[in-house]
Amino acid sequence: MSKIEILSISKPLDVGTRIHWDEELQCLYYVDVPNSLVYKYDANTGETTEAKVGDEPLAFMFPVEGSNTKFIAGLGRKFVFVEWDGVSPEVSKVETITEVDKEPKLKDNRLNGAKVDPYGRLWAGTMGPVDSERNIIPGQGSLYSLEKGVLKKHEGNIGCSNGLAWNTKEMKMYYIDTLVPEVAQYDISETGTISNKTRVFDFKENKITGLPDGLEIDSNGALWVCCIHGSHIIKFDPKNGNILRKIKLPTPQVTSVTFGGKNWTKCMPPPQEYLSTEQYQIHLLELLT
């Protein structure tokens, strides 16, 4: 059994999530959603920098392939292009690409979970606002993809769109709506069409505390799920639903998981061997043209 080491790399966050490992730079990016802050942890120096991005919740911010200063982010209900040098406390540019959930009844929605698939498409979903008791209003969110400037809606009636992962060997996509305590599986084509939704893991049946949030896949096809309000991460086999491991963490709000480290030496198990790091990066020209 490997040793779990807790490394504090920033001040406490209100909602820290959407971590992204940049293998080339050996840096970790993540966001503090309600405060619209992006963070960059440099594993080479041990330094962490931060920047304010906007006045709306910052759902995610991923680097663009081939650049150290260009990013795609989710700000409120907008996909935005951001420029940041990774050091300054303010970003230098925020430019809207497109907006989602434009219907008047959805004006209080916002973007939430997001990830780039192995083919360079950006997937991101939305969630509804919270009510007077701080519960998310169900059924108001959707799941979208953005490719070559084209926005496509894949699912509606979502409570809180969250974790995403792909297995290109099996041509499967995995997806989490946090308000539905399960992990769903879809068949996915190379063109990004999803179909045949099934359930591969049920929190209630497996007596898992908390709710599903962030999601990652490893080189063996096992899925790692963050259990928000549950203080742990679980690893399971999506082919049979068997739990393979539980990792207890000293916080109830576990939101996001990824693999990284120099030459992936701190990754257990290693990332998918059949996906290059570059394939997780966003092709800016494809998104904007």
C-alpha atoms as a PDB file:
ATOM      1  CA  MET A   1       0.000   0.000   0.000  1.00  0.00           C
ATOM      2  CA  SER A   2       1.421   3.372  -0.996  1.00  0.00           C
ATOM      3  CA  LYS A   3       1.956   6.162   1.505  1.00  0.00           C
ATOM      4  CA  ILE A   4      -0.463   9.097   1.451  1.00  0.00           C
ATOM      5  CA  GLU A   5       1.279  12.451   1.895  1.00  0.00           C
ATOM      6  CA  ILE A   6      -0.691  15.626   2.541  1.00  0.00           C
ATOM      7  CA  LEU A   7       0.923  18.654   0.907  1.00  0.00           C
ATOM      8  CA  SER A   8      -0.556  22.080   1.610  1.00  0.00           C
ATOM      9  CA  ILE A   9       0.099  24.251  -1.449  1.00  0.00           C
ATOM     10  CA  SER A  10      -2.182  27.241  -0.831  1.00  0.00           C
ATOM     11  CA  LYS A  11      -4.250  29.035   1.725  1.00  0.00           C
ATOM     12  CA  PRO A  12      -7.650  27.503   2.607  1.00  0.00           C
ATOM     13  CA  LEU A  13     -10.148  27.764  -0.263  1.00  0.00           C
ATOM     14  CA  ASP A  14     -13.916  28.177  -0.172  1.00  0.00           C
ATOM     15  CA  VAL A  15     -14.490  25.730  -3.037  1.00  0.00           C
ATOM     16  CA  GLY A  16     -11.210  24.486  -4.452  1.00  0.00           C
ATOM     17  CA  THR A  17     -11.597  22.202  -7.464  1.00  0.00           C
ATOM     18  CA  ARG A  18     -10.956  21.401 -11.153  1.00  0.00           C
ATOM     19  CA  ILE A  19      -7.282  20.513 -10.781  1.00  0.00           C
ATOM     20  CA  HIS A  20      -5.291  20.102 -13.998  1.00  0.00           C
ATOM     21  CA  TRP A  21      -1.734  18.775 -14.188  1.00  0.00           C
ATOM     22  CA  ASP A  22       0.495  20.303 -16.859  1.00  0.00           C
ATOM     23  CA  GLU A  23       3.158  17.688 -17.558  1.00  0.00           C
ATOM     24  CA  GLU A  24       5.363  19.960 -19.670  1.00  0.00           C
ATOM     25  CA  LEU A  25       5.578  22.745 -17.078  1.00  0.00           C
ATOM     26  CA  GLN A  26       5.281  20.431 -14.058  1.00  0.00           C
ATOM     27  CA  CYS A  27       2.545  22.720 -12.721  1.00  0.00           C
ATOM     28  CA  LEU A  28      -0.821  22.156 -11.164  1.00  0.00           C
ATOM     29  CA  TYR A  29      -3.709  24.529 -11.927  1.00  0.00           C
ATOM     30  CA  TYR A  30      -6.903  24.723  -9.879  1.00  0.00           C
ATOM     31  CA  VAL A  31      -9.618  27.224  -9.004  1.00  0.00           C
ATOM     32  CA  ASP A  32     -11.501  28.622  -6.031  1.00  0.00           C
ATOM     33  CA  VAL A  33     -14.970  28.831  -7.575  1.00  0.00           C
ATOM     34  CA  PRO A  34     -16.925  31.468  -5.614  1.00  0.00           C
ATOM     35  CA  ASN A  35     -13.947  33.821  -5.309  1.00  0.00           C
ATOM     36  CA  SER A  36     -13.122  33.607  -9.046  1.00  0.00           C
ATOM     37  CA  LEU A  37      -9.486  32.807  -8.306  1.00  0.00           C
ATOM     38  CA  VAL A  38      -7.107  30.620 -10.294  1.00  0.00           C
ATOM     39  CA  TYR A  39      -4.029  29.056  -8.699  1.00  0.00           C
ATOM     40  CA  LYS A  40      -0.815  27.704 -10.167  1.00  0.00           C
ATOM     41  CA  TYR A  41       1.396  25.410  -8.111  1.00  0.00           C
ATOM     42  CA  ASP A  42       4.894  24.970  -9.542  1.00  0.00           C
ATOM     43  CA  ALA A  43       6.222  21.564  -8.515  1.00  0.00           C
ATOM     44  CA  ASN A  44       9.744  22.590  -9.521  1.00  0.00           C
ATOM     45  CA  THR A  45       9.945  25.501  -7.082  1.00  0.00           C
ATOM     46  CA  GLY A  46       7.186  24.702  -4.605  1.00  0.00           C
ATOM     47  CA  GLU A  47       5.701  28.166  -5.188  1.00  0.00           C
ATOM     48  CA  THR A  48       2.001  28.906  -5.598  1.00  0.00           C
ATOM     49  CA  THR A  49       0.651  31.981  -7.375  1.00  0.00           C
ATOM     50  CA  GLU A  50      -2.923  33.189  -7.760  1.00  0.00           C
ATOM     51  CA  ALA A  51      -4.929  35.622  -9.861  1.00  0.00           C
ATOM     52  CA  LYS A  52      -8.378  37.134  -9.858  1.00  0.00           C
ATOM     53  CA  VAL A  53     -10.255  36.282 -13.073  1.00  0.00           C
ATOM     54  CA  GLY A  54     -13.636  38.009 -12.795  1.00  0.00           C
ATOM     55  CA  ASP A  55     -16.646  38.886 -10.684  1.00  0.00           C
ATOM     56  CA  GLU A  56     -18.578  35.672 -11.382  1.00  0.00           C
ATOM     57  CA  PRO A  57     -17.893  32.123 -10.124  1.00  0.00           C
ATOM     58  CA  LEU A  58     -14.901  30.538 -11.879  1.00  0.00           C
ATOM     59  CA  ALA A  59     -15.870  26.937 -12.619  1.00  0.00           C
ATOM     60  CA  PHE A  60     -12.636  25.855 -14.328  1.00  0.00           C
ATOM     61  CA  MET A  61      -9.566  27.194 -16.129  1.00  0.00           C
ATOM     62  CA  PHE A  62      -7.518  24.933 -18.417  1.00  0.00           C
ATOM     63  CA  PRO A  63      -4.320  25.771 -20.328  1.00  0.00           C
ATOM     64  CA  VAL A  64      -4.263  25.965 -24.108  1.00  0.00           C
ATOM     65  CA  GLU A  65      -1.878  23.664 -25.951  1.00  0.00           C
ATOM     66  CA  GLY A  66       1.362  25.293 -27.018  1.00  0.00           C
ATOM     67  CA  SER A  67       1.090  28.328 -24.735  1.00  0.00           C
ATOM     68  CA  ASN A  68       2.096  29.135 -21.170  1.00  0.00           C
ATOM     69  CA  THR A  69      -0.213  32.149 -20.940  1.00  0.00           C
ATOM     70  CA  LYS A  70      -3.490  31.237 -22.702  1.00  0.00           C
ATOM     71  CA  PHE A  71      -6.432  29.475 -21.064  1.00  0.00           C
ATOM     72  CA  ILE A  72     -10.086  28.516 -21.560  1.00  0.00           C
ATOM     73  CA  ALA A  73     -12.273  29.106 -18.500  1.00  0.00           C
ATOM     74  CA  GLY A  74     -15.860  28.894 -17.329  1.00  0.00           C
ATOM     75  CA  LEU A  75     -17.022  32.185 -15.814  1.00  0.00           C
ATOM     76  CA  GLY A  76     -20.628  32.290 -14.685  1.00  0.00           C
ATOM     77  CA  ARG A  77     -22.527  30.965 -17.736  1.00  0.00           C
ATOM     78  CA  LYS A  78     -19.798  31.916 -20.215  1.00  0.00           C
ATOM     79  CA  PHE A  79     -16.919  30.110 -21.843  1.00  0.00           C
ATOM     80  CA  VAL A  80     -14.118  32.678 -21.870  1.00  0.00           C
ATOM     81  CA  PHE A  81     -10.605  33.008 -23.264  1.00  0.00           C
ATOM     82  CA  VAL A  82      -8.124  34.168 -20.606  1.00  0.00           C
ATOM     83  CA  GLU A  83      -4.547  35.396 -20.768  1.00  0.00           C
ATOM     84  CA  TRP A  84      -2.429  35.130 -17.619  1.00  0.00           C
ATOM     85  CA  ASP A  85       1.332  35.044 -17.164  1.00  0.00           C
ATOM     86  CA  GLY A  86       1.042  32.681 -14.201  1.00  0.00           C
ATOM     87  CA  VAL A  87       2.554  35.218 -11.807  1.00  0.00           C
ATOM     88  CA  SER A  88       0.523  38.452 -11.770  1.00  0.00           C
ATOM     89  CA  PRO A  89      -2.384  38.798  -9.292  1.00  0.00           C
ATOM     90  CA  GLU A  90      -4.689  39.869 -12.149  1.00  0.00           C
ATOM     91  CA  VAL A  91      -5.233  38.258 -15.547  1.00  0.00           C
ATOM     92  CA  SER A  92      -4.498  40.464 -18.571  1.00  0.00           C
ATOM     93  CA  LYS A  93      -7.461  39.478 -20.758  1.00  0.00           C
ATOM     94  CA  VAL A  94     -10.916  37.907 -20.406  1.00  0.00           C
ATOM     95  CA  GLU A  95     -12.793  37.514 -23.690  1.00  0.00           C
ATOM     96  CA  THR A  96     -16.185  35.782 -24.084  1.00  0.00           C
ATOM     97  CA  ILE A  97     -16.340  32.843 -26.514  1.00  0.00           C
ATOM     98  CA  THR A  98     -19.964  31.823 -26.017  1.00  0.00           C
ATOM     99  CA  GLU A  99     -22.693  31.653 -23.368  1.00  0.00           C
ATOM    100  CA  VAL A 100     -24.962  28.798 -22.252  1.00  0.00           C
ATOM    101  CA  ASP A 101     -28.348  28.463 -20.551  1.00  0.00           C
ATOM    102  CA  LYS A 102     -29.590  31.733 -22.044  1.00  0.00           C
ATOM    103  CA  GLU A 103     -33.269  31.129 -21.244  1.00  0.00           C
ATOM    104  CA  PRO A 104     -34.636  33.693 -18.740  1.00  0.00           C
ATOM    105  CA  LYS A 105     -35.600  30.951 -16.270  1.00  0.00           C
ATOM    106  CA  LEU A 106     -31.970  29.749 -16.246  1.00  0.00           C
ATOM    107  CA  LYS A 107     -30.321  33.142 -15.754  1.00  0.00           C
ATOM    108  CA  ASP A 108     -29.085  32.161 -12.288  1.00  0.00           C
ATOM    109  CA  ASN A 109     -27.416  28.961 -13.516  1.00  0.00           C
ATOM    110  CA  ARG A 110     -23.645  28.704 -13.785  1.00  0.00           C
ATOM    111  CA  LEU A 111     -21.033  26.426 -15.320  1.00  0.00           C
ATOM    112  CA  ASN A 112     -19.584  23.772 -13.043  1.00  0.00           C
ATOM    113  CA  GLY A 113     -17.789  20.507 -13.862  1.00  0.00           C
ATOM    114  CA  ALA A 114     -15.585  20.429 -16.985  1.00  0.00           C
ATOM    115  CA  LYS A 115     -12.775  18.516 -18.684  1.00  0.00           C
ATOM    116  CA  VAL A 116     -11.142  18.120 -22.092  1.00  0.00           C
ATOM    117  CA  ASP A 117     -11.706  14.758 -23.798  1.00  0.00           C
ATOM    118  CA  PRO A 118      -8.993  12.748 -25.618  1.00  0.00           C
ATOM    119  CA  TYR A 119     -10.021  14.325 -28.942  1.00  0.00           C
ATOM    120  CA  GLY A 120      -9.595  17.925 -27.793  1.00  0.00           C
ATOM    121  CA  ARG A 121     -13.270  18.719 -27.151  1.00  0.00           C
ATOM    122  CA  LEU A 122     -14.103  20.762 -24.089  1.00  0.00           C
ATOM    123  CA  TRP A 123     -16.990  19.290 -22.099  1.00  0.00           C
ATOM    124  CA  ALA A 124     -18.686  21.373 -19.409  1.00  0.00           C
ATOM    125  CA  GLY A 125     -21.987  21.275 -17.593  1.00  0.00           C
ATOM    126  CA  THR A 126     -24.128  23.661 -15.624  1.00  0.00           C
ATOM    127  CA  MET A 127     -26.008  23.665 -12.346  1.00  0.00           C
ATOM    128  CA  GLY A 128     -28.969  25.555 -10.970  1.00  0.00           C
ATOM    129  CA  PRO A 129     -28.844  28.145  -8.160  1.00  0.00           C
ATOM    130  CA  VAL A 130     -29.252  27.298  -4.492  1.00  0.00           C
ATOM    131  CA  ASP A 131     -32.514  27.905  -2.629  1.00  0.00           C
ATOM    132  CA  SER A 132     -33.045  29.583   0.748  1.00  0.00           C
ATOM    133  CA  GLU A 133     -31.873  26.413   2.509  1.00  0.00           C
ATOM    134  CA  ARG A 134     -28.697  26.288   0.376  1.00  0.00           C
ATOM    135  CA  ASN A 135     -29.872  23.288  -1.614  1.00  0.00           C
ATOM    136  CA  ILE A 136     -29.205  23.225  -5.358  1.00  0.00           C
ATOM    137  CA  ILE A 137     -32.435  23.532  -7.327  1.00  0.00           C
ATOM    138  CA  PRO A 138     -32.597  20.244  -9.296  1.00  0.00           C
ATOM    139  CA  GLY A 139     -33.272  19.725 -12.990  1.00  0.00           C
ATOM    140  CA  GLN A 140     -32.026  23.083 -14.288  1.00  0.00           C
ATOM    141  CA  GLY A 141     -28.572  22.153 -15.575  1.00  0.00           C
ATOM    142  CA  SER A 142     -27.276  20.759 -18.874  1.00  0.00           C
ATOM    143  CA  LEU A 143     -24.172  19.094 -20.321  1.00  0.00           C
ATOM    144  CA  TYR A 144     -22.400  20.726 -23.292  1.00  0.00           C
ATOM    145  CA  SER A 145     -19.364  20.230 -25.493  1.00  0.00           C
ATOM    146  CA  LEU A 146     -17.432  22.888 -27.402  1.00  0.00           C
ATOM    147  CA  GLU A 147     -15.487  22.006 -30.539  1.00  0.00           C
ATOM    148  CA  LYS A 148     -14.288  24.193 -33.426  1.00  0.00           C
ATOM    149  CA  GLY A 149     -16.466  27.022 -32.181  1.00  0.00           C
ATOM    150  CA  VAL A 150     -19.594  24.823 -32.168  1.00  0.00           C
ATOM    151  CA  LEU A 151     -21.502  24.450 -28.908  1.00  0.00           C
ATOM    152  CA  LYS A 152     -23.531  21.238 -28.572  1.00  0.00           C
ATOM    153  CA  LYS A 153     -26.000  20.324 -25.844  1.00  0.00           C
ATOM    154  CA  HIS A 154     -25.952  16.624 -24.933  1.00  0.00           C
ATOM    155  CA  GLU A 155     -28.115  16.321 -21.818  1.00  0.00           C
ATOM    156  CA  GLY A 156     -30.674  18.366 -19.902  1.00  0.00           C
ATOM    157  CA  ASN A 157     -32.519  18.026 -16.595  1.00  0.00           C
ATOM    158  CA  ILE A 158     -29.185  17.946 -14.749  1.00  0.00           C
ATOM    159  CA  GLY A 159     -28.965  18.862 -11.072  1.00  0.00           C
ATOM    160  CA  CYS A 160     -25.251  19.609 -10.676  1.00  0.00           C
ATOM    161  CA  SER A 161     -23.041  18.678 -13.616  1.00  0.00           C
ATOM    162  CA  ASN A 162     -19.703  17.384 -12.381  1.00  0.00           C
ATOM    163  CA  GLY A 163     -17.060  14.680 -12.990  1.00  0.00           C
ATOM    164  CA  LEU A 164     -16.096  13.456 -16.479  1.00  0.00           C
ATOM    165  CA  ALA A 165     -13.715  10.756 -17.740  1.00  0.00           C
ATOM    166  CA  TRP A 166     -13.126   8.761 -20.925  1.00  0.00           C
ATOM    167  CA  ASN A 167     -11.864   5.305 -21.841  1.00  0.00           C
ATOM    168  CA  THR A 168     -10.798   5.341 -25.505  1.00  0.00           C
ATOM    169  CA  LYS A 169     -10.033   1.617 -25.529  1.00  0.00           C
ATOM    170  CA  GLU A 170     -13.646   0.826 -24.690  1.00  0.00           C
ATOM    171  CA  MET A 171     -15.093   4.016 -26.242  1.00  0.00           C
ATOM    172  CA  LYS A 172     -16.897   4.891 -23.020  1.00  0.00           C
ATOM    173  CA  MET A 173     -17.568   8.191 -21.305  1.00  0.00           C
ATOM    174  CA  TYR A 174     -18.249   8.436 -17.576  1.00  0.00           C
ATOM    175  CA  TYR A 175     -20.270  11.257 -16.066  1.00  0.00           C
ATOM    176  CA  ILE A 176     -21.515  12.475 -12.702  1.00  0.00           C
ATOM    177  CA  ASP A 177     -24.554  14.527 -11.771  1.00  0.00           C
ATOM    178  CA  THR A 178     -23.828  15.124  -8.093  1.00  0.00           C
ATOM    179  CA  LEU A 179     -27.523  15.253  -7.153  1.00  0.00           C
ATOM    180  CA  VAL A 180     -27.921  11.718  -8.542  1.00  0.00           C
ATOM    181  CA  PRO A 181     -25.636   9.621  -6.307  1.00  0.00           C
ATOM    182  CA  GLU A 182     -24.201   7.400  -9.025  1.00  0.00           C
ATOM    183  CA  VAL A 183     -21.642   7.250 -11.838  1.00  0.00           C
ATOM    184  CA  ALA A 184     -23.148   6.964 -15.318  1.00  0.00           C
ATOM    185  CA  GLN A 185     -21.576   5.425 -18.400  1.00  0.00           C
ATOM    186  CA  TYR A 186     -22.214   6.318 -22.054  1.00  0.00           C
ATOM    187  CA  ASP A 187     -21.049   4.894 -25.333  1.00  0.00           C
ATOM    188  CA  ILE A 188     -19.197   7.658 -27.168  1.00  0.00           C
ATOM    189  CA  SER A 189     -18.180   7.979 -30.809  1.00  0.00           C
ATOM    190  CA  GLU A 190     -15.051   9.709 -32.104  1.00  0.00           C
ATOM    191  CA  THR A 191     -17.310  12.547 -33.253  1.00  0.00           C
ATOM    192  CA  GLY A 192     -18.514  13.110 -29.678  1.00  0.00           C
ATOM    193  CA  THR A 193     -21.992  11.589 -29.851  1.00  0.00           C
ATOM    194  CA  ILE A 194     -23.051   9.892 -26.608  1.00  0.00           C
ATOM    195  CA  SER A 195     -25.685   7.155 -26.262  1.00  0.00           C
ATOM    196  CA  ASN A 196     -26.797   4.126 -24.248  1.00  0.00           C
ATOM    197  CA  LYS A 197     -26.619   5.629 -20.779  1.00  0.00           C
ATOM    198  CA  THR A 198     -26.237   3.062 -17.992  1.00  0.00           C
ATOM    199  CA  ARG A 199     -25.339   3.144 -14.303  1.00  0.00           C
ATOM    200  CA  VAL A 200     -21.987   1.616 -13.334  1.00  0.00           C
ATOM    201  CA  PHE A 201     -21.818   2.588  -9.663  1.00  0.00           C
ATOM    202  CA  ASP A 202     -24.511   3.456  -7.116  1.00  0.00           C
ATOM    203  CA  PHE A 203     -23.576   5.285  -3.911  1.00  0.00           C
ATOM    204  CA  LYS A 204     -26.634   4.071  -1.995  1.00  0.00           C
ATOM    205  CA  GLU A 205     -26.264   0.421  -2.970  1.00  0.00           C
ATOM    206  CA  ASN A 206     -22.606   0.517  -1.930  1.00  0.00           C
ATOM    207  CA  LYS A 207     -23.348   2.451   1.262  1.00  0.00           C
ATOM    208  CA  ILE A 208     -20.939   5.242   0.327  1.00  0.00           C
ATOM    209  CA  THR A 209     -21.188   8.376   2.439  1.00  0.00           C
ATOM    210  CA  GLY A 210     -21.220  11.726   0.690  1.00  0.00           C
ATOM    211  CA  LEU A 211     -22.043  12.535  -2.923  1.00  0.00           C
ATOM    212  CA  PRO A 212     -20.063  11.981  -6.151  1.00  0.00           C
ATOM    213  CA  ASP A 213     -18.072  14.983  -7.374  1.00  0.00           C
ATOM    214  CA  GLY A 214     -14.761  14.881  -9.292  1.00  0.00           C
ATOM    215  CA  LEU A 215     -13.810  11.861 -11.417  1.00  0.00           C
ATOM    216  CA  GLU A 216     -10.628  10.423 -12.965  1.00  0.00           C
ATOM    217  CA  ILE A 217      -9.642   7.252 -14.827  1.00  0.00           C
ATOM    218  CA  ASP A 218      -6.336   5.390 -14.535  1.00  0.00           C
ATOM    219  CA  SER A 219      -4.325   3.245 -16.953  1.00  0.00           C
ATOM    220  CA  ASN A 220      -6.182   0.096 -15.900  1.00  0.00           C
ATOM    221  CA  GLY A 221      -9.607   1.610 -16.598  1.00  0.00           C
ATOM    222  CA  ALA A 222     -10.485   1.967 -12.907  1.00  0.00           C
ATOM    223  CA  LEU A 223     -12.410   5.076 -11.878  1.00  0.00           C
ATOM    224  CA  TRP A 224     -11.512   7.329  -8.945  1.00  0.00           C
ATOM    225  CA  VAL A 225     -14.417   9.324  -7.487  1.00  0.00           C
ATOM    226  CA  CYS A 226     -14.275  12.190  -5.005  1.00  0.00           C
ATOM    227  CA  CYS A 227     -16.959  11.943  -2.345  1.00  0.00           C
ATOM    228  CA  ILE A 228     -17.918  15.461  -1.300  1.00  0.00           C
ATOM    229  CA  HIS A 229     -19.365  15.589   2.233  1.00  0.00           C
ATOM    230  CA  GLY A 230     -17.830  12.113   2.680  1.00  0.00           C
ATOM    231  CA  SER A 231     -14.131  12.795   3.404  1.00  0.00           C
ATOM    232  CA  HIS A 232     -12.801  10.177   1.003  1.00  0.00           C
ATOM    233  CA  ILE A 233     -11.956   9.100  -2.544  1.00  0.00           C
ATOM    234  CA  ILE A 234     -13.059   5.701  -3.815  1.00  0.00           C
ATOM    235  CA  LYS A 235     -11.573   3.621  -6.609  1.00  0.00           C
ATOM    236  CA  PHE A 236     -13.840   1.132  -8.362  1.00  0.00           C
ATOM    237  CA  ASP A 237     -14.046  -1.109 -11.418  1.00  0.00           C
ATOM    238  CA  PRO A 238     -16.739   0.216 -13.798  1.00  0.00           C
ATOM    239  CA  LYS A 239     -17.131  -3.228 -15.391  1.00  0.00           C
ATOM    240  CA  ASN A 240     -18.531  -4.821 -12.242  1.00  0.00           C
ATOM    241  CA  GLY A 241     -18.916  -1.987  -9.707  1.00  0.00           C
ATOM    242  CA  ASN A 242     -16.476  -3.555  -7.257  1.00  0.00           C
ATOM    243  CA  ILE A 243     -14.773  -1.125  -4.877  1.00  0.00           C
ATOM    244  CA  LEU A 244     -11.002  -1.492  -5.136  1.00  0.00           C
ATOM    245  CA  ARG A 245      -9.788   1.109  -2.662  1.00  0.00           C
ATOM    246  CA  LYS A 246     -10.872   3.894  -0.310  1.00  0.00           C
ATOM    247  CA  ILE A 247      -8.641   6.819   0.629  1.00  0.00           C
ATOM    248  CA  LYS A 248      -9.661   8.766   3.733  1.00  0.00           C
ATOM    249  CA  LEU A 249      -8.815  12.475   3.705  1.00  0.00           C
ATOM    250  CA  PRO A 250      -8.830  15.021   6.563  1.00  0.00           C
ATOM    251  CA  THR A 251     -11.569  17.175   5.042  1.00  0.00           C
ATOM    252  CA  PRO A 252     -15.254  16.578   4.314  1.00  0.00           C
ATOM    253  CA  GLN A 253     -15.261  18.511   1.012  1.00  0.00           C
ATOM    254  CA  VAL A 254     -13.295  16.300  -1.387  1.00  0.00           C
ATOM    255  CA  THR A 255     -13.944  17.713  -4.855  1.00  0.00           C
ATOM    256  CA  SER A 256     -11.281  16.887  -7.450  1.00  0.00           C
ATOM    257  CA  VAL A 257      -8.616  14.278  -8.245  1.00  0.00           C
ATOM    258  CA  THR A 258      -5.906  13.921 -10.889  1.00  0.00           C
ATOM    259  CA  PHE A 259      -2.577  12.168 -11.437  1.00  0.00           C
ATOM    260  CA  GLY A 260       0.799  13.846 -11.891  1.00  0.00           C
ATOM    261  CA  GLY A 261       4.391  14.238 -10.806  1.00  0.00           C
ATOM    262  CA  LYS A 262       7.698  14.302 -12.651  1.00  0.00           C
ATOM    263  CA  ASN A 263       7.638  11.511 -15.230  1.00  0.00           C
ATOM    264  CA  TRP A 264       4.427  10.471 -13.465  1.00  0.00           C
ATOM    265  CA  THR A 265       6.499   9.054 -10.601  1.00  0.00           C
ATOM    266  CA  LYS A 266       4.025  10.402  -8.069  1.00  0.00           C
ATOM    267  CA  CYS A 267       1.086   8.946  -9.947  1.00  0.00           C
ATOM    268  CA  MET A 268      -0.439   5.766  -8.542  1.00  0.00           C
ATOM    269  CA  PRO A 269      -1.343   4.137 -10.827  1.00  0.00           C
ATOM    270  CA  PRO A 270       0.076   5.977 -13.866  1.00  0.00           C
ATOM    271  CA  PRO A 271      -2.095   7.957 -16.258  1.00  0.00           C
ATOM    272  CA  GLN A 272      -3.664   6.268 -19.250  1.00  0.00           C
ATOM    273  CA  GLU A 273      -0.814   5.048 -21.414  1.00  0.00           C
ATOM    274  CA  TYR A 274      -2.963   5.360 -24.513  1.00  0.00           C
ATOM    275  CA  LEU A 275      -3.582   9.088 -24.024  1.00  0.00           C
ATOM    276  CA  SER A 276      -0.851  11.682 -24.308  1.00  0.00           C
ATOM    277  CA  THR A 277      -0.843  14.692 -22.018  1.00  0.00           C
ATOM    278  CA  GLU A 278      -1.176  16.933 -25.049  1.00  0.00           C
ATOM    279  CA  GLN A 279      -4.513  15.327 -25.904  1.00  0.00           C
ATOM    280  CA  TYR A 280      -5.924  16.713 -22.658  1.00  0.00           C
ATOM    281  CA  GLN A 281      -4.949  20.227 -23.687  1.00  0.00           C
ATOM    282  CA  ILE A 282      -7.339  22.433 -25.603  1.00  0.00           C
ATOM    283  CA  HIS A 283      -6.718  23.238 -29.256  1.00  0.00           C
ATOM    284  CA  LEU A 284      -7.455  26.953 -29.247  1.00  0.00           C
ATOM    285  CA  LEU A 285      -7.866  27.358 -32.980  1.00  0.00           C
ATOM    286  CA  GLU A 286     -10.319  24.474 -33.128  1.00  0.00           C
ATOM    287  CA  LEU A 287     -12.401  26.041 -30.382  1.00  0.00           C
ATOM    288  CA  LEU A 288     -12.473  29.513 -31.860  1.00  0.00           C
ATOM    289  CA  THR A 289     -12.678  28.859 -35.624  1.00  0.00           C
END
